[in-house]
Protein backbone atom coordinates (compact mmCIF):
# COMPACT_ATOMS: atom_id res chain seq x y z
CA MET A 1 174.93 139.58 198.89
CA LYS A 2 172.93 142.56 200.32
CA GLN A 3 169.64 140.65 199.68
CA PHE A 4 170.96 137.46 201.42
CA LEU A 5 172.04 139.47 204.40
CA THR A 6 168.77 141.35 204.63
CA LEU A 7 166.99 138.00 204.27
CA PHE A 8 169.04 136.54 207.01
CA ILE A 9 168.55 139.53 209.42
CA MET A 10 164.42 139.04 208.89
CA ILE A 11 164.81 135.22 209.51
CA ILE A 12 166.80 135.90 212.74
CA LEU A 13 163.93 138.68 213.87
CA MET A 14 161.14 136.35 212.88
CA ASN A 15 162.71 133.76 215.20
CA ALA A 16 163.35 136.29 217.84
CA CYS A 17 159.73 137.35 217.97
CA SER A 18 158.36 133.82 218.11
CA THR A 19 158.19 131.86 221.27
CA PRO A 20 159.90 128.47 220.96
CA PRO A 21 157.58 125.56 221.67
CA SER A 22 159.78 124.64 224.71
CA ALA A 23 159.25 128.02 226.43
CA THR A 24 155.43 127.72 225.79
CA ASN A 25 155.48 124.35 227.26
CA ASN A 26 157.61 125.45 230.25
CA THR A 27 155.32 128.30 230.84
CA THR A 28 152.40 126.17 230.93
CA GLU A 29 154.15 123.70 233.08
CA PHE A 30 155.30 126.45 235.40
CA ASN A 31 151.40 127.78 235.76
CA LYS A 32 150.11 124.14 236.44
CA GLN A 33 152.63 124.10 239.24
CA PHE A 34 151.52 127.12 240.67
CA ASP A 35 147.77 126.00 240.45
CA ASP A 36 148.99 123.11 242.31
CA TYR A 37 150.61 125.31 245.02
CA LYS A 38 147.23 127.31 245.28
CA ASN A 39 145.43 124.12 245.94
CA ARG A 40 147.58 123.10 248.56
CA PHE A 41 147.64 126.35 250.19
CA VAL A 42 143.89 126.59 250.63
CA GLU A 43 143.88 123.10 252.03
CA GLN A 44 146.34 124.17 254.47
CA MET A 45 144.41 127.29 255.20
CA TRP A 46 141.38 125.64 256.04
CA LYS A 47 143.39 123.48 258.53
CA ILE A 48 144.32 126.69 260.11
CA TYR A 49 140.99 128.34 260.07
CA PRO A 50 138.28 125.56 260.39
CA MET A 51 135.98 127.82 261.68
CA TRP A 52 135.81 129.96 258.35
CA ALA A 53 136.08 126.89 256.10
CA THR A 54 132.61 125.92 257.63
CA GLU A 55 131.01 129.29 256.81
CA ILE A 56 132.40 129.32 253.33
CA GLY A 57 131.15 125.71 252.38
CA TYR A 58 134.28 123.55 253.07
CA HIS A 59 133.04 120.98 255.44
CA ASN A 60 136.01 118.56 256.51
CA TYR A 61 136.76 120.32 259.65
CA ASP A 62 133.24 121.21 260.82
CA SER A 63 134.11 119.64 264.30
CA ILE A 64 136.91 121.67 265.34
CA LEU A 65 137.26 125.14 266.79
CA GLU A 66 139.88 127.59 266.62
CA ILE A 67 141.46 128.05 270.20
CA ASN A 68 143.55 131.11 269.92
CA ASN A 69 146.54 130.42 272.35
CA ALA A 70 150.01 131.19 271.85
CA ASP A 71 150.43 127.64 270.09
CA TYR A 72 147.60 128.69 267.47
CA ARG A 73 149.34 131.91 266.69
CA ASN A 74 152.77 130.21 266.43
CA ARG A 75 151.13 127.86 263.77
CA ILE A 76 149.63 130.79 261.82
CA LEU A 77 152.98 132.75 261.70
CA GLN A 78 154.90 129.32 260.67
CA PHE A 79 152.11 129.09 257.85
CA VAL A 80 152.69 132.73 256.98
CA LYS A 81 156.48 132.18 256.68
CA GLU A 82 156.39 128.75 254.79
CA ASN A 83 153.92 130.38 252.25
CA LEU A 84 155.74 133.62 251.86
CA ASP A 85 158.96 131.45 251.16
CA SER A 86 157.10 129.23 248.67
CA LEU A 87 155.63 132.36 246.78
CA GLN A 88 159.35 133.58 246.26
CA GLY A 89 160.18 130.50 244.51
CA PHE A 90 157.95 131.40 241.53
CA ASP A 91 159.17 133.73 239.02
CA SER A 92 156.25 136.15 238.63
CA THR A 93 157.27 136.63 235.05
CA LYS A 94 156.21 133.30 233.96
CA LEU A 95 152.96 133.34 235.72
CA SER A 96 149.78 133.98 233.72
CA ASP A 97 147.87 137.44 234.46
CA LEU A 98 145.34 135.80 236.55
CA ASN A 99 147.93 133.78 238.55
CA LYS A 100 150.13 137.17 239.15
CA MET A 101 146.75 138.26 240.61
CA ASP A 102 146.51 135.18 242.67
CA ALA A 103 149.89 135.59 243.86
CA GLU A 104 149.58 139.13 245.01
CA ILE A 105 146.38 138.51 246.99
CA ILE A 106 147.99 135.40 248.76
CA LYS A 107 150.73 137.59 249.46
CA ASN A 108 148.78 140.43 250.94
CA PHE A 109 146.52 137.82 252.97
CA LEU A 110 149.70 136.39 254.38
CA GLN A 111 151.29 139.59 255.60
CA LYS A 112 147.97 140.74 256.84
CA SER A 113 147.83 137.76 258.84
CA LYS A 114 151.06 138.51 260.41
CA PHE A 115 150.22 142.11 261.02
CA ASN A 116 147.16 141.09 263.00
CA ILE A 117 149.19 138.78 265.38
CA GLU A 118 152.28 140.92 265.87
CA GLU A 119 151.02 144.72 265.64
CA LEU A 120 147.33 145.01 265.67
CA LYS A 121 146.99 142.70 268.51
CA SER A 122 143.17 142.78 268.60
CA TRP A 123 143.34 139.28 270.20
CA GLN A 124 144.50 141.07 273.31
CA TRP A 125 142.18 144.07 273.44
CA ASP A 126 138.77 143.17 271.66
CA PRO A 127 137.40 140.58 273.93
CA SER A 128 134.15 140.32 271.36
CA GLY A 129 136.44 138.36 269.18
CA TYR A 130 135.89 135.38 271.25
CA ASN A 131 132.39 134.10 270.55
CA ALA A 132 131.69 130.79 269.01
CA SER A 133 128.04 131.18 269.04
CA GLY A 134 127.80 132.38 265.69
CA ASN A 135 129.54 129.70 263.97
CA LEU A 136 127.63 127.10 265.85
CA SER A 137 124.17 128.90 265.07
CA TYR A 138 125.55 128.83 261.31
CA MET A 139 125.66 125.03 261.38
CA LEU A 140 122.40 124.47 262.79
CA SER A 141 120.52 126.83 260.38
CA GLU A 142 121.93 125.91 257.08
CA ASN A 143 121.07 122.68 255.62
CA TYR A 144 124.14 121.51 253.94
CA GLU A 145 124.10 118.31 255.71
CA PRO A 146 121.63 115.81 257.28
CA LEU A 147 120.75 117.17 260.65
CA ASN A 148 122.00 114.46 262.68
CA SER A 149 125.64 114.89 261.07
CA ARG A 150 125.54 118.90 261.79
CA ILE A 151 124.56 118.27 265.64
CA ILE A 152 127.15 115.50 266.04
CA ASN A 153 129.95 118.15 264.61
CA ILE A 154 128.23 120.90 266.79
CA SER A 155 128.55 118.41 269.81
CA LYS A 156 132.29 117.94 269.29
CA LYS A 157 132.82 121.57 269.04
CA LEU A 158 130.86 122.19 272.24
CA GLU A 159 133.47 119.85 273.95
CA GLN A 160 136.05 122.37 273.22
CA ILE A 161 134.16 125.61 274.34
CA PRO A 162 136.05 125.49 277.75
CA ALA A 163 139.43 125.50 276.14
CA TYR A 164 138.22 128.28 273.70
CA TYR A 165 137.42 130.66 276.61
CA THR A 166 140.33 129.57 278.52
CA ALA A 167 142.59 130.84 275.98
CA ALA A 168 140.52 133.97 275.47
CA LYS A 169 141.06 134.92 279.26
CA GLU A 170 144.47 134.34 279.11
CA ASN A 171 144.89 136.47 276.06
CA ILE A 172 142.67 139.59 277.24
CA GLN A 173 144.89 142.72 278.31
CA ASN A 174 143.69 146.19 278.68
CA PRO A 175 140.63 145.77 276.44
CA SER A 176 138.90 148.93 275.18
CA PRO A 177 135.70 149.51 277.20
CA GLU A 178 133.32 149.78 274.13
CA HIS A 179 134.53 145.97 273.20
CA LEU A 180 134.19 144.73 276.57
CA LYS A 181 130.79 145.67 276.87
CA LEU A 182 130.08 144.45 273.36
CA ALA A 183 131.66 140.86 274.39
CA ILE A 184 129.34 140.63 277.34
CA GLU A 185 126.26 141.51 275.40
CA GLN A 186 126.95 139.32 272.29
CA ASN A 187 128.33 136.21 274.16
CA SER A 188 125.19 136.14 276.80
CA GLY A 189 122.79 136.59 273.71
CA GLY A 190 124.38 134.46 271.35
CA PHE A 191 124.67 131.31 273.41
CA GLU A 192 121.16 131.80 274.92
CA SER A 193 119.79 131.93 271.45
CA LEU A 194 122.07 129.12 270.54
CA GLU A 195 120.85 126.86 273.47
CA ALA A 196 117.16 127.39 272.49
CA THR A 197 117.64 126.55 268.99
CA LEU A 198 119.78 123.33 269.65
CA LYS A 199 117.04 122.19 271.89
CA ASP A 200 114.54 122.43 269.13
CA SER A 201 116.76 120.91 266.55
CA LEU A 202 117.41 117.87 268.88
CA ALA A 203 113.79 117.21 269.21
CA GLN A 204 113.41 117.20 265.21
CA SER A 205 116.79 114.67 265.07
CA THR A 206 116.58 111.01 264.87
CA LEU A 207 119.80 110.72 267.25
CA SER A 208 119.59 108.06 269.98
CA SER A 209 118.71 108.95 273.50
CA ASP A 210 122.33 108.45 274.47
CA GLU A 211 123.52 110.88 271.63
CA LYS A 212 120.95 113.46 272.46
CA THR A 213 121.93 113.39 276.20
CA LYS A 214 125.64 113.57 275.44
CA VAL A 215 124.79 116.95 273.38
CA GLU A 216 122.79 118.23 276.13
CA THR A 217 125.67 117.75 278.48
CA GLU A 218 128.12 119.28 276.28
CA MET A 219 125.83 122.08 275.66
CA LYS A 220 125.37 122.65 279.52
CA ASN A 221 129.32 122.68 280.17
CA ALA A 222 129.82 125.07 277.30
CA MET A 223 127.13 127.34 278.90
CA ALA A 224 128.90 127.24 282.00
CA ALA A 225 132.18 128.02 280.33
CA VAL A 226 130.53 131.03 278.69
CA GLN A 227 129.02 132.55 282.02
CA ASP A 228 132.45 131.97 283.47
CA TYR A 229 134.11 134.10 280.95
CA ILE A 230 131.31 136.66 281.27
CA SER A 231 132.02 136.99 284.63
CA PHE A 232 135.70 137.26 284.08
CA LEU A 233 134.70 140.22 281.72
CA LYS A 234 132.51 141.89 284.37
CA ASN A 235 135.03 141.63 287.17
CA LEU A 236 138.14 142.71 284.76
CA LYS A 237 139.88 145.89 286.58
CA ASN A 238 140.19 147.96 283.46
CA GLU A 239 141.18 151.31 284.78
CA ASN A 240 143.46 151.96 281.81
CA GLY A 241 141.63 150.35 278.95
CA ARG A 242 142.79 150.75 275.34
CA SER A 243 141.15 153.42 273.59
CA PHE A 244 138.79 152.04 270.46
CA ARG A 245 140.67 154.51 268.20
CA LEU A 246 143.31 152.70 266.10
CA GLY A 247 145.50 155.64 265.62
CA SER A 248 147.16 156.79 262.42
CA ASP A 249 149.98 154.19 262.17
CA LEU A 250 147.92 150.87 262.67
CA TYR A 251 144.84 152.59 260.93
CA GLY A 252 147.07 153.21 257.84
CA LYS A 253 148.75 149.60 257.80
CA LYS A 254 145.33 147.87 258.17
CA PHE A 255 143.73 150.00 255.47
CA ASN A 256 146.63 149.11 253.22
CA PHE A 257 146.20 145.33 253.91
CA GLU A 258 142.49 145.32 254.08
CA ILE A 259 141.41 147.73 251.20
CA GLU A 260 144.23 146.85 248.78
CA SER A 261 143.89 150.56 247.35
CA SER A 262 146.28 152.33 245.11
CA TYR A 263 145.53 155.28 247.16
CA THR A 264 146.55 155.91 251.02
CA TYR A 265 143.58 156.64 253.55
CA GLU A 266 144.98 160.21 253.48
CA GLN A 267 144.35 160.60 249.99
CA ILE A 268 140.84 158.74 250.24
CA TYR A 269 140.00 161.30 253.13
CA ASP A 270 140.86 164.24 250.77
CA SER A 271 138.75 162.72 247.81
CA ALA A 272 135.73 162.23 250.01
CA MET A 273 135.84 165.62 251.33
CA GLN A 274 135.89 166.97 247.91
CA ARG A 275 132.93 164.66 246.76
CA LYS A 276 131.06 165.99 249.68
CA LYS A 277 131.44 169.49 248.74
CA TYR A 278 130.47 168.39 244.94
CA LEU A 279 127.35 166.57 246.31
CA HIS A 280 126.16 169.42 248.40
CA THR A 281 126.59 171.89 245.35
CA GLN A 282 124.37 169.56 243.31
CA MET A 283 121.78 168.83 246.02
CA ALA A 284 121.35 172.79 246.60
CA ALA A 285 120.68 173.13 242.95
CA LEU A 286 118.11 170.66 242.74
CA ALA A 287 116.64 171.49 246.22
CA THR A 288 116.27 175.18 244.95
CA GLN A 289 114.59 173.74 241.61
CA LEU A 290 112.15 171.51 243.75
CA TRP A 291 111.12 174.02 246.23
CA PRO A 292 108.18 175.92 244.50
CA LYS A 293 106.73 172.22 243.46
CA TYR A 294 106.55 171.22 247.03
CA PHE A 295 106.63 174.41 248.97
CA GLY A 296 104.64 177.03 246.77
CA ASN A 297 105.43 180.61 247.68
CA THR A 298 106.97 179.69 251.06
CA PRO A 299 110.45 181.64 251.12
CA ILE A 300 113.37 179.50 250.43
CA PRO A 301 115.66 178.89 253.30
CA GLY A 302 118.74 181.13 253.40
CA ASP A 303 120.91 178.22 254.72
CA THR A 304 121.81 175.70 252.03
CA LEU A 305 121.86 172.73 254.33
CA THR A 306 118.64 173.65 255.85
CA LEU A 307 116.95 174.06 252.22
CA ILE A 308 118.24 170.45 251.25
CA SER A 309 117.09 168.99 254.47
CA LYS A 310 113.57 170.17 254.10
CA VAL A 311 113.20 168.92 250.54
CA ILE A 312 114.49 165.52 251.51
CA ASP A 313 112.16 165.28 254.22
CA THR A 314 109.36 166.20 252.07
CA LEU A 315 110.31 163.42 249.48
CA SER A 316 110.80 161.00 252.22
CA MET A 317 107.31 160.88 252.95
CA ASN A 318 106.51 158.92 249.64
CA HIS A 319 106.87 155.47 250.59
CA VAL A 320 105.00 152.17 250.48
CA LYS A 321 102.64 150.97 253.08
CA PRO A 322 104.37 148.52 255.43
CA GLU A 323 102.48 145.63 254.12
CA ASP A 324 103.72 146.25 250.63
CA PHE A 325 107.34 146.73 251.43
CA GLN A 326 108.38 143.02 250.38
CA SER A 327 106.04 142.90 247.45
CA THR A 328 107.39 146.19 246.13
CA ILE A 329 110.91 145.12 246.18
CA GLU A 330 109.96 141.53 244.38
CA LYS A 331 108.30 143.97 241.54
CA GLN A 332 111.40 146.10 241.02
CA ILE A 333 113.78 143.31 240.35
CA PRO A 334 112.57 142.58 236.85
CA GLU A 335 112.06 146.08 236.07
CA LEU A 336 115.84 146.60 236.85
CA GLU A 337 116.84 143.53 234.96
CA LYS A 338 114.88 144.80 231.85
CA PHE A 339 116.65 148.36 232.00
CA VAL A 340 120.04 146.77 232.22
CA THR A 341 119.22 144.35 229.03
CA ASP A 342 117.54 147.19 227.12
CA HIS A 343 120.19 149.72 227.57
CA ASN A 344 122.87 147.30 226.91
CA LEU A 345 124.84 147.98 230.30
CA ILE A 346 125.91 144.39 230.90
CA TYR A 347 125.00 140.66 229.98
CA LEU A 348 122.83 138.95 232.76
CA ASP A 349 123.04 135.25 232.67
CA PRO A 350 119.41 133.87 232.20
CA SER A 351 120.66 130.66 233.77
CA LYS A 352 121.53 132.22 236.80
CA PRO A 353 118.07 133.77 237.95
CA LEU A 354 117.89 135.66 241.23
CA LYS A 355 115.29 134.12 243.42
CA VAL A 356 113.51 136.68 245.56
CA ARG A 357 112.38 135.03 248.96
CA LYS A 358 111.09 136.05 252.30
CA GLU A 359 113.90 136.13 254.98
CA PRO A 360 114.64 133.07 256.46
CA ALA A 361 113.62 132.64 260.02
CA TYR A 362 117.22 132.64 261.45
CA MET A 363 117.52 136.18 259.75
CA ALA A 364 114.30 137.55 260.94
CA GLY A 365 114.25 141.01 262.75
CA VAL A 366 116.30 142.55 260.14
CA ALA A 367 114.27 144.46 257.43
CA GLY A 368 115.40 145.59 254.21
CA ALA A 369 117.23 143.26 251.68
CA SER A 370 120.44 141.22 251.53
CA ILE A 371 122.07 138.77 248.95
CA SER A 372 122.66 135.24 249.80
CA ALA A 373 125.06 133.82 247.44
CA PRO A 374 126.42 130.14 246.78
CA GLY A 375 130.10 129.99 248.05
CA PRO A 376 133.08 128.61 245.85
CA TYR A 377 132.20 125.16 246.65
CA ASP A 378 128.73 125.38 245.65
CA LYS A 379 128.96 127.51 242.55
CA ASN A 380 126.04 126.09 241.00
CA GLY A 381 123.59 126.72 243.98
CA ASN A 382 120.83 129.37 244.01
CA THR A 383 121.44 132.95 244.77
CA TYR A 384 118.58 134.36 247.00
CA TYR A 385 117.46 137.79 247.53
CA ASN A 386 116.32 137.92 251.17
CA VAL A 387 113.54 140.59 251.55
CA GLY A 388 112.50 141.25 255.17
CA SER A 389 109.30 142.07 256.48
CA LEU A 390 107.94 144.70 258.92
CA ALA A 391 105.23 142.59 260.42
CA GLY A 392 105.04 143.11 263.95
CA TRP A 393 106.75 146.70 263.87
CA ASP A 394 104.90 149.38 265.81
CA ALA A 395 103.78 152.31 263.51
CA LYS A 396 106.47 154.67 264.66
CA ARG A 397 109.38 152.37 264.02
CA ALA A 398 107.95 151.48 260.57
CA GLU A 399 107.33 155.02 259.53
CA SER A 400 110.67 155.97 260.53
CA TYR A 401 112.19 152.90 258.64
CA LEU A 402 110.16 153.59 255.30
CA ARG A 403 111.09 157.17 255.12
CA GLU A 404 114.72 156.14 255.18
CA TYR A 405 113.80 153.44 252.33
CA ASN A 406 111.30 155.67 250.53
CA ASN A 407 109.97 155.61 247.13
CA TYR A 408 113.51 156.61 245.63
CA THR A 409 116.00 155.17 247.97
CA LEU A 410 114.43 151.67 247.95
CA GLN A 411 115.24 151.59 244.04
CA ILE A 412 118.84 152.59 244.82
CA LEU A 413 118.81 150.00 247.31
CA ASN A 414 117.82 147.08 244.86
CA ILE A 415 120.28 148.35 242.51
CA HIS A 416 123.04 148.09 245.11
CA GLU A 417 122.02 144.76 246.52
CA ALA A 418 120.59 143.05 243.45
CA VAL A 419 120.97 144.39 239.86
CA PRO A 420 123.52 145.29 238.70
CA GLY A 421 124.98 145.40 242.02
CA HIS A 422 126.07 142.50 244.29
CA TYR A 423 124.10 139.78 242.58
CA THR A 424 125.31 140.61 239.04
CA GLN A 425 128.85 141.00 240.49
CA LEU A 426 128.81 137.61 242.46
CA VAL A 427 127.60 135.63 239.44
CA TYR A 428 130.49 137.03 237.49
CA SER A 429 132.86 136.31 240.27
CA ASN A 430 131.64 132.59 240.40
CA ASN A 431 132.39 132.03 236.94
CA SER A 432 135.95 133.27 237.56
CA PRO A 433 138.23 130.28 237.54
CA SER A 434 140.31 131.33 240.52
CA ILE A 435 139.05 130.03 243.99
CA ILE A 436 141.61 132.35 245.71
CA LYS A 437 139.73 135.50 244.40
CA SER A 438 136.34 133.99 245.83
CA ILE A 439 137.85 132.99 249.14
CA LEU A 440 140.04 136.19 249.57
CA GLY A 441 137.69 138.36 247.78
CA ASN A 442 138.35 142.10 248.26
CA GLY A 443 135.63 143.91 249.84
CA ALA A 444 136.36 147.13 248.39
CA MET A 445 136.02 145.78 245.13
CA ILE A 446 132.68 144.06 246.02
CA GLU A 447 131.17 147.20 247.72
CA GLY A 448 132.84 149.67 245.43
CA TRP A 449 131.14 147.95 242.37
CA ALA A 450 127.57 147.97 244.04
CA VAL A 451 128.03 151.55 244.81
CA TYR A 452 129.35 152.29 241.37
CA GLY A 453 126.31 150.48 240.06
CA GLU A 454 123.91 153.05 241.58
CA LEU A 455 125.44 156.03 239.79
CA MET A 456 126.00 154.22 236.49
CA MET A 457 122.22 153.47 236.49
CA LEU A 458 121.02 156.98 236.91
CA GLU A 459 124.06 158.06 234.35
CA ASN A 460 122.03 156.03 231.84
CA GLY A 461 118.49 157.29 232.48
CA TYR A 462 117.14 155.22 235.13
CA GLY A 463 114.46 157.20 237.18
CA ASN A 464 114.01 159.34 233.78
CA ASN A 465 116.44 161.88 235.18
CA GLU A 466 113.82 163.31 237.53
CA PRO A 467 115.28 165.68 239.97
CA GLU A 468 113.72 163.92 243.00
CA MET A 469 115.51 160.70 241.97
CA TRP A 470 118.86 162.30 241.67
CA LEU A 471 118.52 164.37 244.83
CA MET A 472 117.70 161.18 246.84
CA TYR A 473 120.47 159.32 245.01
CA TYR A 474 122.95 162.17 246.05
CA LYS A 475 121.83 161.78 249.68
CA TRP A 476 122.31 158.10 249.53
CA ASN A 477 125.91 158.58 248.10
CA LEU A 478 126.57 161.08 250.71
CA ARG A 479 126.20 158.58 253.17
CA THR A 480 128.95 156.40 251.66
CA VAL A 481 131.14 159.39 251.62
CA CYS A 482 130.24 160.59 255.06
CA ASN A 483 131.09 157.05 256.38
CA THR A 484 134.55 157.30 255.19
CA LEU A 485 134.89 160.58 256.46
CA LEU A 486 133.69 159.39 259.93
CA ASP A 487 135.75 156.19 260.02
CA ILE A 488 139.02 158.06 259.17
CA SER A 489 138.37 161.03 261.52
CA VAL A 490 137.60 158.95 264.26
CA HIS A 491 140.27 156.68 264.26
CA THR A 492 143.07 158.90 263.10
CA ARG A 493 141.79 162.74 263.97
CA ASN A 494 140.03 162.04 267.19
CA MET A 495 136.80 163.24 266.11
CA SER A 496 134.26 163.55 269.03
CA HIS A 497 130.71 162.15 269.35
CA ASP A 498 129.28 165.61 269.00
CA GLU A 499 131.54 166.33 265.91
CA ALA A 500 130.30 162.99 264.37
CA MET A 501 126.51 163.62 265.00
CA HIS A 502 127.11 167.08 263.23
CA LEU A 503 128.61 165.28 260.28
CA LEU A 504 125.79 162.80 260.08
CA THR A 505 122.84 164.62 260.90
CA LYS A 506 123.43 168.07 259.46
CA GLU A 507 125.68 167.53 256.66
CA ALA A 508 124.73 163.78 255.50
CA PHE A 509 120.85 164.23 256.43
CA GLN A 510 120.75 161.16 258.46
CA GLN A 511 118.20 160.71 261.13
CA ASN A 512 119.59 160.82 264.96
CA ALA A 513 118.94 157.08 265.35
CA GLU A 514 120.62 155.84 262.33
CA ALA A 515 123.62 158.64 263.09
CA GLU A 516 123.98 156.92 266.54
CA GLY A 517 124.06 153.44 265.14
CA LYS A 518 126.98 154.65 263.01
CA TRP A 519 128.87 156.21 265.82
CA ARG A 520 128.53 152.81 267.69
CA ARG A 521 129.65 150.89 264.57
CA VAL A 522 132.71 153.19 264.19
CA MET A 523 133.61 152.60 267.90
CA LEU A 524 133.54 148.74 267.34
CA THR A 525 134.88 148.43 263.77
CA ASN A 526 137.57 150.06 261.90
CA VAL A 527 138.54 150.66 258.21
CA GLN A 528 135.66 148.59 256.63
CA LEU A 529 133.47 151.74 256.50
CA THR A 530 136.02 153.14 253.90
CA SER A 531 135.51 150.30 251.46
CA TYR A 532 132.30 151.57 249.84
CA TYR A 533 133.80 154.82 248.87
CA THR A 534 137.19 153.72 248.03
CA GLY A 535 136.18 151.03 245.67
CA PHE A 536 133.70 153.47 243.99
CA LYS A 537 136.30 155.97 243.55
CA GLU A 538 138.70 153.56 241.84
CA ILE A 539 136.34 151.85 239.56
CA CYS A 540 135.09 155.70 238.52
CA ASP A 541 138.70 156.48 238.17
CA LEU A 542 139.58 153.46 235.86
CA ARG A 543 136.51 153.84 233.75
CA GLU A 544 137.88 157.36 232.90
CA GLU A 545 141.39 156.34 232.17
CA CYS A 546 140.02 153.44 229.84
CA LYS A 547 137.70 156.12 228.10
CA LYS A 548 140.67 158.35 227.75
CA ILE A 549 142.90 155.59 226.18
CA GLN A 550 139.89 154.07 223.81
CA GLY A 551 138.34 157.41 222.79
CA ASP A 552 135.35 156.68 220.71
CA LYS A 553 136.15 153.00 220.86
CA PHE A 554 135.04 152.80 224.50
CA ASN A 555 132.06 150.55 225.02
CA LEU A 556 130.54 150.71 228.63
CA LYS A 557 129.06 147.04 228.53
CA ALA A 558 132.78 145.69 227.33
CA PHE A 559 134.18 147.68 230.22
CA HIS A 560 131.82 146.17 232.76
CA GLU A 561 132.14 142.66 231.46
CA LYS A 562 135.86 142.93 231.29
CA PHE A 563 136.35 144.47 234.96
CA LEU A 564 133.99 141.93 236.31
CA SER A 565 135.85 138.95 234.53
CA TYR A 566 138.73 139.27 236.67
CA GLY A 567 136.58 138.07 239.87
CA SER A 568 136.93 139.53 243.16
CA ALA A 569 140.09 141.02 243.07
CA PRO A 570 141.48 144.35 244.30
CA VAL A 571 140.61 147.23 241.85
CA LYS A 572 144.26 148.28 241.77
CA LEU A 573 145.47 144.87 240.18
CA ILE A 574 142.32 144.82 237.85
CA ARG A 575 143.21 148.21 236.98
CA ALA A 576 146.80 147.27 236.04
CA GLN A 577 145.95 144.13 233.77
CA MET A 578 143.03 146.15 231.97
CA LEU A 579 145.24 149.28 231.14
CA ALA A 580 148.18 146.88 229.96
CA ASP A 581 145.82 145.23 227.85
CA LEU A 582 144.55 148.49 226.44
CA GLN A 583 148.06 149.77 225.90
CA GLN A 584 149.13 146.63 224.20
CA LYS A 585 146.27 146.70 221.72
CA LYS A 586 147.19 150.41 220.71
CA GLN A 587 150.66 149.23 219.72
């Protein structure tokens, strides 16, 4: 009897631990329903945001402008309400791990949209938010459809420009002086450039003379509407304009929605302060070590920051010639790929090669390097590394730029932008089955990975552990850290211009021109500058947590590939899933 009872209990336990086929089928069907919902959500979203759809590669609504009037904002709020209600209808315990992430990402996007309209209200105080020239210029420059088709859609958008700027004038209240000035500058320059480009494109097109005349008329009417908007802004009585500083409350909320971190902005500020102190200590030691090599018997400065600055200035003189800037970048990419492969750091898909090219004409004027990656609707498209040219620059400007991107930091730039940074992450992101993570990709994860890649490469011996390379890396990383301190301090702690200049030039060793440019950026934007350091910190923290759990079984390559397999999701969501998986394997 006792043996029978034991057997009976074992059978019950086995049945309890197994999932009935009906339950599995129900879960599969439930996730299919959620996948169908996601597709409907995305389609609805593009109807709400047709200009965004155009730039991400979805071209069903290329002829429509977003006219930001009260009706439009109410449409967004209704869209938010309906989809938050829809999300509540899905039992998260039945969703797959990837769908749980997607649900959280959609929810955050919807809540952020509501916050932007009802609390942040930049549609009232930032007149630079009204500028359709960039969207129209994109349509002219990108060859996603025949030129004639693109011009016809542009013409339809031009028809809507007067209504677009009428809504803008009705919305603007107490704008910040800084954003007011920016709006005047950008609308003036943007549409003048568009008019010239459109004229050239019309000449190249095969549209009929009547069609060309219609486009020219619409462009003329659009230019009149733009000029009217500019006059409105110039004549606006703005004695009590809003401060460009967000303030702690709005900043904290925007940080939570935009960065989607497990940390608050105050915690990130404290962490960045600690990181700055650490970097200064490391840099002082390296500068002391390098001093005799470059300065001989000259006495070492007593002030630590002066010591570091002098060594950095000397190392920065080691740079390529202006005419060799592009070819040097081209040469370094295969060297980085070889290092990553030889050191078994992450798998690089040979079927997705990075194509290095000279910057396209519409990007001309911005030296350096950037990635142009295919969007979620063109996953098999080429990924380009756009390399700028210094042709036409005067000697002083070129020398200043090349000292910033010297023989050391140029390598770090290529790590960040290309391998194993943005390019590598984007290839993995496009392999992720979730279009939600591609469209609503988390900037802190994307930028954080690129910043993490810089450190990870040096940790694994890139640069042969030369003290010069480490010193210049620390200087580069210090920029990320101090940008975070700058953004938080300016918007929540009333940091002054002089205090900002001291932070950037004396403590982060930036040139005055670069520091002034950063001050301008922090007056006109907010929160985004914190994404680099926040993402970097979260990835480093996650790596240490995984090491602690796995011990000797931790594998760096496996960690990287697992992390990137989730697509461009917030690090906190990836962390939760990776740690849960590891804990489950331990049991």
